[in-house]
PDB file of N, CA and C in Angstrom:
ATOM      1  N   MET A   1      16.052  14.411  -3.376  1.00  0.00           N
ATOM      2  CA  MET A   1      14.831  13.659  -3.475  1.00  0.00           C
ATOM      3  C   MET A   1      13.912  14.055  -2.315  1.00  0.00           C
ATOM      4  N   ASP A   2      12.664  14.360  -2.635  1.00  0.00           N
ATOM      5  CA  ASP A   2      11.696  14.689  -1.600  1.00  0.00           C
ATOM      6  C   ASP A   2      11.219  13.414  -0.919  1.00  0.00           C
ATOM      7  N   ARG A   3      10.956  13.532   0.359  1.00  0.00           N
ATOM      8  CA  ARG A   3      10.464  12.393   1.122  1.00  0.00           C
ATOM      9  C   ARG A   3       9.150  12.778   1.782  1.00  0.00           C
ATOM     10  N   ILE A   4       8.284  11.799   1.946  1.00  0.00           N
ATOM     11  CA  ILE A   4       7.042  12.010   2.680  1.00  0.00           C
ATOM     12  C   ILE A   4       6.960  10.949   3.762  1.00  0.00           C
ATOM     13  N   ASN A   5       6.163  11.222   4.778  1.00  0.00           N
ATOM     14  CA  ASN A   5       6.022  10.223   5.831  1.00  0.00           C
ATOM     15  C   ASN A   5       4.999   9.162   5.408  1.00  0.00           C
ATOM     16  N   ILE A   6       4.937   8.103   6.154  1.00  0.00           N
ATOM     17  CA  ILE A   6       4.082   6.973   5.797  1.00  0.00           C
ATOM     18  C   ILE A   6       2.612   7.369   5.800  1.00  0.00           C
ATOM     19  N   SER A   7       2.220   8.193   6.737  1.00  0.00           N
ATOM     20  CA  SER A   7       0.833   8.631   6.792  1.00  0.00           C
ATOM     21  C   SER A   7       0.433   9.352   5.505  1.00  0.00           C
ATOM     22  N   ARG A   8       1.272  10.245   5.031  1.00  0.00           N
ATOM     23  CA  ARG A   8       0.997  10.983   3.795  1.00  0.00           C
ATOM     24  C   ARG A   8       1.030  10.037   2.583  1.00  0.00           C
ATOM     25  N   PHE A   9       1.977   9.116   2.578  1.00  0.00           N
ATOM     26  CA  PHE A   9       2.072   8.114   1.514  1.00  0.00           C
ATOM     27  C   PHE A   9       0.760   7.338   1.401  1.00  0.00           C
ATOM     28  N   CYS A  10       0.254   6.871   2.537  1.00  0.00           N
ATOM     29  CA  CYS A  10      -0.982   6.094   2.550  1.00  0.00           C
ATOM     30  C   CYS A  10      -2.171   6.952   2.107  1.00  0.00           C
ATOM     31  N   GLN A  11      -2.179   8.195   2.540  1.00  0.00           N
ATOM     32  CA  GLN A  11      -3.249   9.114   2.150  1.00  0.00           C
ATOM     33  C   GLN A  11      -3.266   9.304   0.627  1.00  0.00           C
ATOM     34  N   ILE A  12      -2.107   9.496   0.044  1.00  0.00           N
ATOM     35  CA  ILE A  12      -2.006   9.666  -1.410  1.00  0.00           C
ATOM     36  C   ILE A  12      -2.462   8.399  -2.114  1.00  0.00           C
ATOM     37  N   TRP A  13      -1.989   7.249  -1.635  1.00  0.00           N
ATOM     38  CA  TRP A  13      -2.328   5.974  -2.262  1.00  0.00           C
ATOM     39  C   TRP A  13      -3.841   5.740  -2.211  1.00  0.00           C
ATOM     40  N   ARG A  14      -4.439   6.017  -1.042  1.00  0.00           N
ATOM     41  CA  ARG A  14      -5.887   5.827  -0.901  1.00  0.00           C
ATOM     42  C   ARG A  14      -6.672   6.804  -1.774  1.00  0.00           C
ATOM     43  N   GLY A  15      -6.073   7.908  -2.115  1.00  0.00           N
ATOM     44  CA  GLY A  15      -6.747   8.917  -2.925  1.00  0.00           C
ATOM     45  C   GLY A  15      -6.842   8.577  -4.397  1.00  0.00           C
ATOM     46  N   GLN A  16      -6.284   7.469  -4.800  1.00  0.00           N
ATOM     47  CA  GLN A  16      -6.304   7.068  -6.208  1.00  0.00           C
ATOM     48  C   GLN A  16      -7.605   6.339  -6.532  1.00  0.00           C
ATOM     49  N   THR A  17      -8.710   7.028  -6.342  1.00  0.00           N
ATOM     50  CA  THR A  17     -10.020   6.387  -6.474  1.00  0.00           C
ATOM     51  C   THR A  17     -10.307   5.915  -7.896  1.00  0.00           C
ATOM     52  N   ALA A  18      -9.874   6.648  -8.900  1.00  0.00           N
ATOM     53  CA  ALA A  18     -10.126   6.223 -10.290  1.00  0.00           C
ATOM     54  C   ALA A  18      -9.462   4.873 -10.546  1.00  0.00           C
ATOM     55  N   LEU A  19      -8.271   4.694 -10.026  1.00  0.00           N
ATOM     56  CA  LEU A  19      -7.567   3.422 -10.180  1.00  0.00           C
ATOM     57  C   LEU A  19      -8.330   2.312  -9.481  1.00  0.00           C
ATOM     58  N   LEU A  20      -8.762   2.568  -8.257  1.00  0.00           N
ATOM     59  CA  LEU A  20      -9.461   1.532  -7.494  1.00  0.00           C
ATOM     60  C   LEU A  20     -10.798   1.162  -8.117  1.00  0.00           C
ATOM     61  N   ILE A  21     -11.496   2.139  -8.695  1.00  0.00           N
ATOM     62  CA  ILE A  21     -12.778   1.866  -9.338  1.00  0.00           C
ATOM     63  C   ILE A  21     -12.585   0.983 -10.569  1.00  0.00           C
ATOM     64  N   ALA A  22     -11.458   1.138 -11.228  1.00  0.00           N
ATOM     65  CA  ALA A  22     -11.186   0.365 -12.442  1.00  0.00           C
ATOM     66  C   ALA A  22     -10.768  -1.073 -12.151  1.00  0.00           C
ATOM     67  N   LEU A  23     -10.489  -1.370 -10.898  1.00  0.00           N
ATOM     68  CA  LEU A  23     -10.026  -2.707 -10.501  1.00  0.00           C
ATOM     69  C   LEU A  23     -11.128  -3.461  -9.770  1.00  0.00           C
ATOM     70  N   PRO A  24     -11.051  -4.788  -9.745  1.00  0.00           N
ATOM     71  CA  PRO A  24     -12.011  -5.572  -8.957  1.00  0.00           C
ATOM     72  C   PRO A  24     -11.920  -5.194  -7.471  1.00  0.00           C
ATOM     73  N   PRO A  25     -13.006  -5.356  -6.725  1.00  0.00           N
ATOM     74  CA  PRO A  25     -13.049  -4.960  -5.311  1.00  0.00           C
ATOM     75  C   PRO A  25     -11.959  -5.585  -4.438  1.00  0.00           C
ATOM     76  N   GLN A  26     -11.498  -6.789  -4.811  1.00  0.00           N
ATOM     77  CA  GLN A  26     -10.462  -7.448  -4.007  1.00  0.00           C
ATOM     78  C   GLN A  26      -9.187  -6.609  -3.933  1.00  0.00           C
ATOM     79  N   PHE A  27      -8.900  -5.871  -4.981  1.00  0.00           N
ATOM     80  CA  PHE A  27      -7.702  -5.048  -4.997  1.00  0.00           C
ATOM     81  C   PHE A  27      -7.766  -3.982  -3.895  1.00  0.00           C
ATOM     82  N   ALA A  28      -8.927  -3.369  -3.725  1.00  0.00           N
ATOM     83  CA  ALA A  28      -9.088  -2.350  -2.682  1.00  0.00           C
ATOM     84  C   ALA A  28      -8.942  -2.976  -1.297  1.00  0.00           C
ATOM     85  N   GLU A  29      -9.477  -4.168  -1.132  1.00  0.00           N
ATOM     86  CA  GLU A  29      -9.385  -4.851   0.161  1.00  0.00           C
ATOM     87  C   GLU A  29      -7.933  -5.155   0.516  1.00  0.00           C
ATOM     88  N   VAL A  30      -7.200  -5.701  -0.429  1.00  0.00           N
ATOM     89  CA  VAL A  30      -5.794  -6.040  -0.196  1.00  0.00           C
ATOM     90  C   VAL A  30      -4.983  -4.761   0.046  1.00  0.00           C
ATOM     91  N   MET A  31      -5.233  -3.740  -0.771  1.00  0.00           N
ATOM     92  CA  MET A  31      -4.520  -2.472  -0.618  1.00  0.00           C
ATOM     93  C   MET A  31      -4.742  -1.897   0.779  1.00  0.00           C
ATOM     94  N   GLU A  32      -5.980  -1.884   1.222  1.00  0.00           N
ATOM     95  CA  GLU A  32      -6.286  -1.311   2.537  1.00  0.00           C
ATOM     96  C   GLU A  32      -5.613  -2.102   3.647  1.00  0.00           C
ATOM     97  N   SER A  33      -5.593  -3.407   3.514  1.00  0.00           N
ATOM     98  CA  SER A  33      -4.921  -4.240   4.509  1.00  0.00           C
ATOM     99  C   SER A  33      -3.428  -3.905   4.584  1.00  0.00           C
ATOM    100  N   LEU A  34      -2.801  -3.795   3.433  1.00  0.00           N
ATOM    101  CA  LEU A  34      -1.364  -3.478   3.395  1.00  0.00           C
ATOM    102  C   LEU A  34      -1.089  -2.091   3.949  1.00  0.00           C
ATOM    103  N   LEU A  35      -1.891  -1.114   3.546  1.00  0.00           N
ATOM    104  CA  LEU A  35      -1.666   0.257   4.022  1.00  0.00           C
ATOM    105  C   LEU A  35      -1.918   0.376   5.522  1.00  0.00           C
ATOM    106  N   SER A  36      -2.928  -0.315   6.015  1.00  0.00           N
ATOM    107  CA  SER A  36      -3.210  -0.283   7.459  1.00  0.00           C
ATOM    108  C   SER A  36      -2.048  -0.858   8.259  1.00  0.00           C
ATOM    109  N   ARG A  37      -1.503  -1.970   7.774  1.00  0.00           N
ATOM    110  CA  ARG A  37      -0.352  -2.569   8.464  1.00  0.00           C
ATOM    111  C   ARG A  37       0.873  -1.669   8.372  1.00  0.00           C
ATOM    112  N   LEU A  38       1.045  -1.019   7.228  1.00  0.00           N
ATOM    113  CA  LEU A  38       2.172  -0.095   7.063  1.00  0.00           C
ATOM    114  C   LEU A  38       2.044   1.073   8.034  1.00  0.00           C
ATOM    115  N   GLU A  39       0.845   1.623   8.156  1.00  0.00           N
ATOM    116  CA  GLU A  39       0.619   2.725   9.098  1.00  0.00           C
ATOM    117  C   GLU A  39       0.821   2.272  10.540  1.00  0.00           C
ATOM    118  N   SER A  40       0.285   1.115  10.871  1.00  0.00           N
ATOM    119  CA  SER A  40       0.454   0.592  12.235  1.00  0.00           C
ATOM    120  C   SER A  40       1.923   0.366  12.552  1.00  0.00           C
ATOM    121  N   GLY A  41       2.625  -0.206  11.612  1.00  0.00           N
ATOM    122  CA  GLY A  41       4.042  -0.486  11.817  1.00  0.00           C
ATOM    123  C   GLY A  41       4.872   0.765  11.948  1.00  0.00           C
ATOM    124  N   SER A  42       4.428   1.865  11.355  1.00  0.00           N
ATOM    125  CA  SER A  42       5.206   3.107  11.423  1.00  0.00           C
ATOM    126  C   SER A  42       5.186   3.714  12.819  1.00  0.00           C
ATOM    127  N   LEU A  43       4.277   3.261  13.649  1.00  0.00           N
ATOM    128  CA  LEU A  43       4.186   3.787  15.014  1.00  0.00           C
ATOM    129  C   LEU A  43       5.236   3.174  15.947  1.00  0.00           C
ATOM    130  N   PHE A  44       5.899   2.135  15.490  1.00  0.00           N
ATOM    131  CA  PHE A  44       6.868   1.418  16.303  1.00  0.00           C
ATOM    132  C   PHE A  44       8.206   1.359  15.581  1.00  0.00           C
ATOM    133  N   THR A  45       9.241   1.039  16.346  1.00  0.00           N
ATOM    134  CA  THR A  45      10.522   0.799  15.694  1.00  0.00           C
ATOM    135  C   THR A  45      10.444  -0.548  14.992  1.00  0.00           C
ATOM    136  N   GLU A  46      11.286  -0.747  14.021  1.00  0.00           N
ATOM    137  CA  GLU A  46      11.270  -1.988  13.229  1.00  0.00           C
ATOM    138  C   GLU A  46      11.379  -3.222  14.126  1.00  0.00           C
ATOM    139  N   GLU A  47      12.173  -3.131  15.190  1.00  0.00           N
ATOM    140  CA  GLU A  47      12.398  -4.294  16.049  1.00  0.00           C
ATOM    141  C   GLU A  47      11.181  -4.649  16.892  1.00  0.00           C
ATOM    142  N   SER A  48      10.340  -3.655  17.228  1.00  0.00           N
ATOM    143  CA  SER A  48       9.223  -3.930  18.124  1.00  0.00           C
ATOM    144  C   SER A  48       7.913  -4.137  17.387  1.00  0.00           C
ATOM    145  N   CYS A  49       7.960  -4.147  16.086  1.00  0.00           N
ATOM    146  CA  CYS A  49       6.733  -4.279  15.301  1.00  0.00           C
ATOM    147  C   CYS A  49       6.681  -5.643  14.632  1.00  0.00           C
ATOM    148  N   SER A  50       5.485  -6.193  14.560  1.00  0.00           N
ATOM    149  CA  SER A  50       5.345  -7.500  13.919  1.00  0.00           C
ATOM    150  C   SER A  50       5.273  -7.379  12.394  1.00  0.00           C
ATOM    151  N   PHE A  51       5.185  -6.156  11.864  1.00  0.00           N
ATOM    152  CA  PHE A  51       5.145  -5.928  10.422  1.00  0.00           C
ATOM    153  C   PHE A  51       6.474  -5.361   9.957  1.00  0.00           C
ATOM    154  N   SER A  52       7.068  -5.969   9.000  1.00  0.00           N
ATOM    155  CA  SER A  52       8.293  -5.451   8.404  1.00  0.00           C
ATOM    156  C   SER A  52       7.923  -4.433   7.332  1.00  0.00           C
ATOM    157  N   GLN A  53       8.370  -3.205   7.502  1.00  0.00           N
ATOM    158  CA  GLN A  53       8.068  -2.172   6.511  1.00  0.00           C
ATOM    159  C   GLN A  53       8.631  -2.539   5.144  1.00  0.00           C
ATOM    160  N   LYS A  54       9.808  -3.110   5.125  1.00  0.00           N
ATOM    161  CA  LYS A  54      10.398  -3.513   3.843  1.00  0.00           C
ATOM    162  C   LYS A  54       9.532  -4.552   3.147  1.00  0.00           C
ATOM    163  N   ASP A  55       9.030  -5.517   3.902  1.00  0.00           N
ATOM    164  CA  ASP A  55       8.167  -6.550   3.327  1.00  0.00           C
ATOM    165  C   ASP A  55       6.852  -5.953   2.831  1.00  0.00           C
ATOM    166  N   LEU A  56       6.290  -5.034   3.611  1.00  0.00           N
ATOM    167  CA  LEU A  56       5.029  -4.415   3.206  1.00  0.00           C
ATOM    168  C   LEU A  56       5.203  -3.572   1.945  1.00  0.00           C
ATOM    169  N   ILE A  57       6.311  -2.865   1.852  1.00  0.00           N
ATOM    170  CA  ILE A  57       6.584  -2.063   0.651  1.00  0.00           C
ATOM    171  C   ILE A  57       6.757  -2.996  -0.558  1.00  0.00           C
ATOM    172  N   ALA A  58       7.427  -4.120  -0.341  1.00  0.00           N
ATOM    173  CA  ALA A  58       7.580  -5.098  -1.424  1.00  0.00           C
ATOM    174  C   ALA A  58       6.218  -5.646  -1.846  1.00  0.00           C
ATOM    175  N   GLN A  59       5.346  -5.903  -0.877  1.00  0.00           N
ATOM    176  CA  GLN A  59       4.010  -6.397  -1.195  1.00  0.00           C
ATOM    177  C   GLN A  59       3.191  -5.337  -1.938  1.00  0.00           C
ATOM    178  N   LEU A  60       3.361  -4.075  -1.583  1.00  0.00           N
ATOM    179  CA  LEU A  60       2.688  -3.009  -2.321  1.00  0.00           C
ATOM    180  C   LEU A  60       3.200  -2.945  -3.761  1.00  0.00           C
ATOM    181  N   GLY A  61       4.484  -3.195  -3.935  1.00  0.00           N
ATOM    182  CA  GLY A  61       5.046  -3.251  -5.288  1.00  0.00           C
ATOM    183  C   GLY A  61       4.419  -4.375  -6.101  1.00  0.00           C
ATOM    184  N   MET A  62       4.225  -5.529  -5.469  1.00  0.00           N
ATOM    185  CA  MET A  62       3.565  -6.652  -6.150  1.00  0.00           C
ATOM    186  C   MET A  62       2.115  -6.298  -6.463  1.00  0.00           C
ATOM    187  N   TRP A  63       1.463  -5.606  -5.533  1.00  0.00           N
ATOM    188  CA  TRP A  63       0.088  -5.164  -5.759  1.00  0.00           C
ATOM    189  C   TRP A  63       0.033  -4.276  -7.001  1.00  0.00           C
ATOM    190  N   LEU A  64       0.970  -3.341  -7.105  1.00  0.00           N
ATOM    191  CA  LEU A  64       1.020  -2.456  -8.274  1.00  0.00           C
ATOM    192  C   LEU A  64       1.242  -3.236  -9.566  1.00  0.00           C
ATOM    193  N   ASP A  65       2.139  -4.205  -9.520  1.00  0.00           N
ATOM    194  CA  ASP A  65       2.401  -5.029 -10.705  1.00  0.00           C
ATOM    195  C   ASP A  65       1.136  -5.769 -11.146  1.00  0.00           C
ATOM    196  N   LYS A  66       0.425  -6.355 -10.180  1.00  0.00           N
ATOM    197  CA  LYS A  66      -0.790  -7.096 -10.502  1.00  0.00           C
ATOM    198  C   LYS A  66      -1.892  -6.153 -10.998  1.00  0.00           C
ATOM    199  N   ALA A  67      -1.997  -4.982 -10.381  1.00  0.00           N
ATOM    200  CA  ALA A  67      -2.991  -4.001 -10.822  1.00  0.00           C
ATOM    201  C   ALA A  67      -2.678  -3.546 -12.249  1.00  0.00           C
ATOM    202  N   ASN A  68      -1.416  -3.297 -12.524  1.00  0.00           N
ATOM    203  CA  ASN A  68      -1.017  -2.875 -13.857  1.00  0.00           C
ATOM    204  C   ASN A  68      -1.343  -3.958 -14.893  1.00  0.00           C
ATOM    205  N   THR A  69      -1.072  -5.198 -14.556  1.00  0.00           N
ATOM    206  CA  THR A  69      -1.380  -6.314 -15.451  1.00  0.00           C
ATOM    207  C   THR A  69      -2.875  -6.405 -15.687  1.00  0.00           C
ATOM    208  N   ARG A  70      -3.638  -6.261 -14.613  1.00  0.00           N
ATOM    209  CA  ARG A  70      -5.106  -6.346 -14.714  1.00  0.00           C
ATOM    210  C   ARG A  70      -5.662  -5.225 -15.579  1.00  0.00           C
ATOM    211  N   LEU A  71      -5.146  -4.026 -15.413  1.00  0.00           N
ATOM    212  CA  LEU A  71      -5.633  -2.870 -16.178  1.00  0.00           C
ATOM    213  C   LEU A  71      -5.220  -2.948 -17.648  1.00  0.00           C
ATOM    214  N   ALA A  72      -4.118  -3.643 -17.928  1.00  0.00           N
ATOM    215  CA  ALA A  72      -3.639  -3.747 -19.297  1.00  0.00           C
ATOM    216  C   ALA A  72      -4.483  -4.713 -20.140  1.00  0.00           C
ATOM    217  N   LYS A  73      -5.291  -5.528 -19.488  1.00  0.00           N
ATOM    218  CA  LYS A  73      -6.125  -6.518 -20.207  1.00  0.00           C
ATOM    219  C   LYS A  73      -7.269  -5.846 -20.921  1.00  0.00           C
TER     220      LYS A  73
END
């Protein structure tokens, strides 16, 4: 399995402009907040960071679920 670092992950996610344009503006705001915290948290070890990477990844998963539901309407 190929792996990418968090910076590249966030770059790819932010590059999905067609998806973001199709969603209400709040989705972009929430996405950016989550990605910013994920990037900030990647600069520290899990113990010294106030953001849990696992929690942020779970929240991104929920974001995807909600975006998918919204787009399916």
